[in-house]
């Protein structure tokens, strides 16, 4: 698995002028960026990061619309 490979410690190499080659410095490093990217891609593949649909907010009427609707409702009541 790529994640596990990225998390393995790798020796830090430095240039040795005496040996004229890259030699281990005694320190190690891991590829955190690669590991995080591998986990992110796995999660996306499995659908783990899908956002819930945003619920629609109730429609808010303007004052003019509200008054017009009241007038229409009252006109309907009086015509019946």
N, C-alpha and C. Protein backbone atom coordinates (compact mmCIF):
# COMPACT_ATOMS: atom_id res chain seq x y z
N UNK A 1 0.85 -1.16 0.00
CA UNK A 1 0.00 0.00 0.00
C UNK A 1 0.90 1.24 0.00
N UNK A 2 0.49 2.23 -0.79
CA UNK A 2 1.30 3.43 -0.94
C UNK A 2 1.47 4.18 0.37
N UNK A 3 0.39 4.25 1.16
CA UNK A 3 0.47 4.93 2.45
C UNK A 3 1.56 4.33 3.32
N UNK A 4 1.59 3.01 3.42
CA UNK A 4 2.59 2.34 4.25
C UNK A 4 4.00 2.60 3.73
N UNK A 5 4.14 2.62 2.41
CA UNK A 5 5.46 2.89 1.82
C UNK A 5 5.93 4.30 2.16
N UNK A 6 5.00 5.25 2.11
CA UNK A 6 5.36 6.64 2.42
C UNK A 6 5.73 6.81 3.90
N UNK A 7 5.14 6.01 4.77
CA UNK A 7 5.40 6.14 6.20
C UNK A 7 6.66 5.40 6.66
N UNK A 8 7.31 4.68 5.76
CA UNK A 8 8.56 4.00 6.14
C UNK A 8 9.67 5.04 6.26
N UNK A 9 10.50 4.85 7.27
CA UNK A 9 11.62 5.77 7.46
C UNK A 9 12.66 5.55 6.38
N UNK A 10 13.14 6.66 5.83
CA UNK A 10 14.19 6.63 4.82
C UNK A 10 15.40 7.38 5.38
N UNK A 11 16.59 6.89 5.16
CA UNK A 11 17.76 7.61 5.67
C UNK A 11 17.97 8.92 4.91
N UNK A 12 18.41 9.94 5.64
CA UNK A 12 18.76 11.22 5.02
C UNK A 12 20.19 11.10 4.54
N UNK A 13 20.40 11.35 3.26
CA UNK A 13 21.73 11.23 2.68
C UNK A 13 22.37 12.61 2.55
N UNK A 14 23.67 12.66 2.82
CA UNK A 14 24.44 13.90 2.66
C UNK A 14 25.69 13.59 1.84
N UNK A 15 26.21 14.60 1.19
CA UNK A 15 27.40 14.43 0.36
C UNK A 15 28.65 14.39 1.24
N UNK A 16 29.46 13.37 1.06
CA UNK A 16 30.72 13.25 1.77
C UNK A 16 31.84 13.58 0.79
N UNK A 17 32.57 14.65 1.12
CA UNK A 17 33.67 15.02 0.23
C UNK A 17 34.82 14.02 0.33
N UNK A 18 34.94 13.39 1.49
CA UNK A 18 36.00 12.40 1.66
C UNK A 18 35.75 11.17 0.81
N UNK A 19 34.51 10.67 0.84
CA UNK A 19 34.17 9.47 0.10
C UNK A 19 33.68 9.78 -1.32
N UNK A 20 33.41 11.07 -1.56
CA UNK A 20 32.90 11.51 -2.86
C UNK A 20 31.65 10.74 -3.25
N UNK A 21 30.74 10.64 -2.28
CA UNK A 21 29.49 9.93 -2.50
C UNK A 21 28.47 10.38 -1.45
N UNK A 22 27.22 10.02 -1.69
CA UNK A 22 26.17 10.31 -0.72
C UNK A 22 26.22 9.23 0.36
N UNK A 23 26.23 9.67 1.63
CA UNK A 23 26.30 8.73 2.75
C UNK A 23 25.19 9.07 3.75
N UNK A 24 24.70 8.07 4.50
CA UNK A 24 23.66 8.35 5.50
C UNK A 24 24.17 9.31 6.57
N UNK A 25 23.31 10.26 6.98
CA UNK A 25 23.69 11.24 7.99
C UNK A 25 23.37 10.77 9.40
N UNK A 26 22.65 9.66 9.52
CA UNK A 26 22.23 9.19 10.84
C UNK A 26 20.80 9.62 11.16
N UNK A 27 20.23 10.50 10.35
CA UNK A 27 18.86 10.93 10.53
C UNK A 27 17.96 10.18 9.55
N UNK A 28 16.68 10.16 9.88
CA UNK A 28 15.71 9.53 8.98
C UNK A 28 14.58 10.50 8.70
N UNK A 29 13.83 10.22 7.64
CA UNK A 29 12.68 11.06 7.30
C UNK A 29 11.57 10.15 6.77
N UNK A 30 10.34 10.68 6.80
CA UNK A 30 9.20 9.98 6.21
C UNK A 30 8.52 10.95 5.26
N UNK A 31 7.77 10.41 4.31
CA UNK A 31 7.07 11.22 3.32
C UNK A 31 5.64 11.48 3.80
N UNK A 32 5.49 12.45 4.70
CA UNK A 32 4.17 12.75 5.27
C UNK A 32 3.22 13.26 4.20
N UNK A 33 3.70 14.08 3.30
CA UNK A 33 2.85 14.65 2.26
C UNK A 33 2.28 13.54 1.36
N UNK A 34 3.13 12.60 0.98
CA UNK A 34 2.68 11.49 0.15
C UNK A 34 1.69 10.60 0.88
N UNK A 35 1.93 10.38 2.17
CA UNK A 35 1.02 9.55 2.96
C UNK A 35 -0.36 10.20 3.08
N UNK A 36 -0.38 11.52 3.33
CA UNK A 36 -1.65 12.22 3.44
C UNK A 36 -2.41 12.22 2.12
N UNK A 37 -1.68 12.39 1.02
CA UNK A 37 -2.32 12.38 -0.29
C UNK A 37 -2.91 11.00 -0.59
N UNK A 38 -2.18 9.94 -0.23
CA UNK A 38 -2.67 8.58 -0.45
C UNK A 38 -3.95 8.34 0.36
N UNK A 39 -3.96 8.79 1.61
CA UNK A 39 -5.16 8.63 2.45
C UNK A 39 -6.33 9.43 1.90
N UNK A 40 -6.07 10.64 1.43
CA UNK A 40 -7.12 11.47 0.87
C UNK A 40 -7.73 10.82 -0.37
N UNK A 41 -6.90 10.30 -1.24
CA UNK A 41 -7.40 9.65 -2.45
C UNK A 41 -8.20 8.38 -2.12
N UNK A 42 -7.75 7.63 -1.12
CA UNK A 42 -8.51 6.45 -0.71
C UNK A 42 -9.88 6.86 -0.17
N UNK A 43 -9.90 7.90 0.66
CA UNK A 43 -11.16 8.38 1.22
C UNK A 43 -12.12 8.87 0.15
N UNK A 44 -11.59 9.59 -0.84
CA UNK A 44 -12.44 10.07 -1.93
C UNK A 44 -12.99 8.90 -2.73
N UNK A 45 -12.16 7.89 -2.97
CA UNK A 45 -12.62 6.72 -3.71
C UNK A 45 -13.74 6.00 -2.96
N UNK A 46 -13.65 5.96 -1.65
CA UNK A 46 -14.66 5.29 -0.84
C UNK A 46 -15.88 6.18 -0.55
N UNK A 47 -15.83 7.44 -0.99
CA UNK A 47 -16.95 8.36 -0.79
C UNK A 47 -17.06 8.87 0.62
N UNK A 48 -15.95 8.96 1.32
CA UNK A 48 -15.98 9.37 2.72
C UNK A 48 -16.13 10.87 2.91
N UNK A 49 -15.85 11.67 1.90
CA UNK A 49 -15.83 13.12 2.08
C UNK A 49 -16.99 13.81 1.37
N UNK A 50 -18.05 13.07 1.07
CA UNK A 50 -19.21 13.69 0.42
C UNK A 50 -19.96 14.51 1.45
N UNK A 51 -20.28 15.72 1.06
CA UNK A 51 -21.02 16.60 1.96
C UNK A 51 -22.50 16.31 1.82
N UNK A 52 -23.20 16.45 2.93
CA UNK A 52 -24.64 16.30 2.90
C UNK A 52 -25.22 17.45 2.08
N UNK A 53 -26.28 17.18 1.32
CA UNK A 53 -26.88 18.28 0.56
C UNK A 53 -27.39 19.35 1.51
N UNK A 54 -27.22 20.57 1.11
CA UNK A 54 -27.65 21.70 1.93
C UNK A 54 -29.17 21.80 1.83
N UNK A 55 -29.84 21.75 2.96
CA UNK A 55 -31.30 21.87 2.90
C UNK A 55 -31.70 23.26 2.40
N UNK A 56 -32.75 23.28 1.60
CA UNK A 56 -33.22 24.57 1.10
C UNK A 56 -33.82 25.37 2.24
N UNK A 57 -33.49 26.62 2.27
CA UNK A 57 -34.05 27.49 3.29
C UNK A 57 -35.47 27.87 2.87
N UNK A 58 -36.34 28.03 3.83
CA UNK A 58 -37.70 28.42 3.46
C UNK A 58 -37.67 29.78 2.77
N UNK A 59 -38.53 29.90 1.78
CA UNK A 59 -38.58 31.14 1.02
C UNK A 59 -39.17 32.23 1.90
N UNK A 60 -38.52 33.36 1.94
CA UNK A 60 -38.99 34.47 2.75
C UNK A 60 -39.66 35.48 1.81
N UNK A 61 -40.90 35.81 2.13
CA UNK A 61 -41.63 36.77 1.32
C UNK A 61 -41.25 38.19 1.70
N UNK A 62 -41.26 39.04 0.70
CA UNK A 62 -41.08 40.46 1.02
C UNK A 62 -42.40 40.98 1.57
N UNK A 63 -42.38 42.12 2.16
CA UNK A 63 -43.59 42.71 2.73
C UNK A 63 -44.63 42.95 1.63
N UNK A 64 -44.16 43.41 0.48
CA UNK A 64 -45.08 43.66 -0.63
C UNK A 64 -45.76 42.36 -1.09
N UNK A 65 -44.99 41.29 -1.20
CA UNK A 65 -45.56 40.00 -1.61
C UNK A 65 -46.57 39.51 -0.58
N UNK A 66 -46.24 39.68 0.69
CA UNK A 66 -47.13 39.23 1.77
C UNK A 66 -48.45 39.98 1.73
N UNK A 67 -48.39 41.31 1.59
CA UNK A 67 -49.60 42.12 1.54
C UNK A 67 -50.42 41.78 0.30
N UNK A 68 -49.77 41.56 -0.84
CA UNK A 68 -50.47 41.20 -2.06
C UNK A 68 -51.19 39.86 -1.87
N UNK A 69 -50.52 38.90 -1.25
CA UNK A 69 -51.13 37.59 -1.02
C UNK A 69 -52.32 37.71 -0.08
N UNK A 70 -52.21 38.54 0.96
CA UNK A 70 -53.35 38.75 1.87
C UNK A 70 -54.53 39.37 1.12
N UNK A 71 -54.23 40.35 0.27
CA UNK A 71 -55.31 40.97 -0.51
C UNK A 71 -55.99 39.95 -1.41
N UNK A 72 -55.20 39.08 -2.06
CA UNK A 72 -55.76 38.07 -2.94
C UNK A 72 -56.61 37.07 -2.16
N UNK A 73 -56.14 36.67 -0.97
CA UNK A 73 -56.90 35.72 -0.15
C UNK A 73 -58.20 36.35 0.32
N UNK A 74 -58.14 37.63 0.68
CA UNK A 74 -59.34 38.31 1.14
C UNK A 74 -60.34 38.50 0.00
N UNK A 75 -59.80 38.78 -1.19
CA UNK A 75 -60.68 38.92 -2.36
C UNK A 75 -61.35 37.60 -2.66
N UNK A 76 -60.66 36.51 -2.52
CA UNK A 76 -61.26 35.19 -2.77
C UNK A 76 -62.34 34.89 -1.74
N UNK A 77 -62.12 35.25 -0.48
CA UNK A 77 -63.10 35.00 0.58
C UNK A 77 -64.37 35.81 0.35
N UNK A 78 -64.20 37.05 -0.07
CA UNK A 78 -65.36 37.91 -0.25
C UNK A 78 -66.16 37.55 -1.49
N UNK A 79 -65.50 36.93 -2.49
CA UNK A 79 -66.22 36.54 -3.71
C UNK A 79 -66.98 35.24 -3.53
N UNK A 80 -66.72 34.49 -2.50
CA UNK A 80 -67.44 33.24 -2.27
C UNK A 80 -68.61 33.39 -1.37
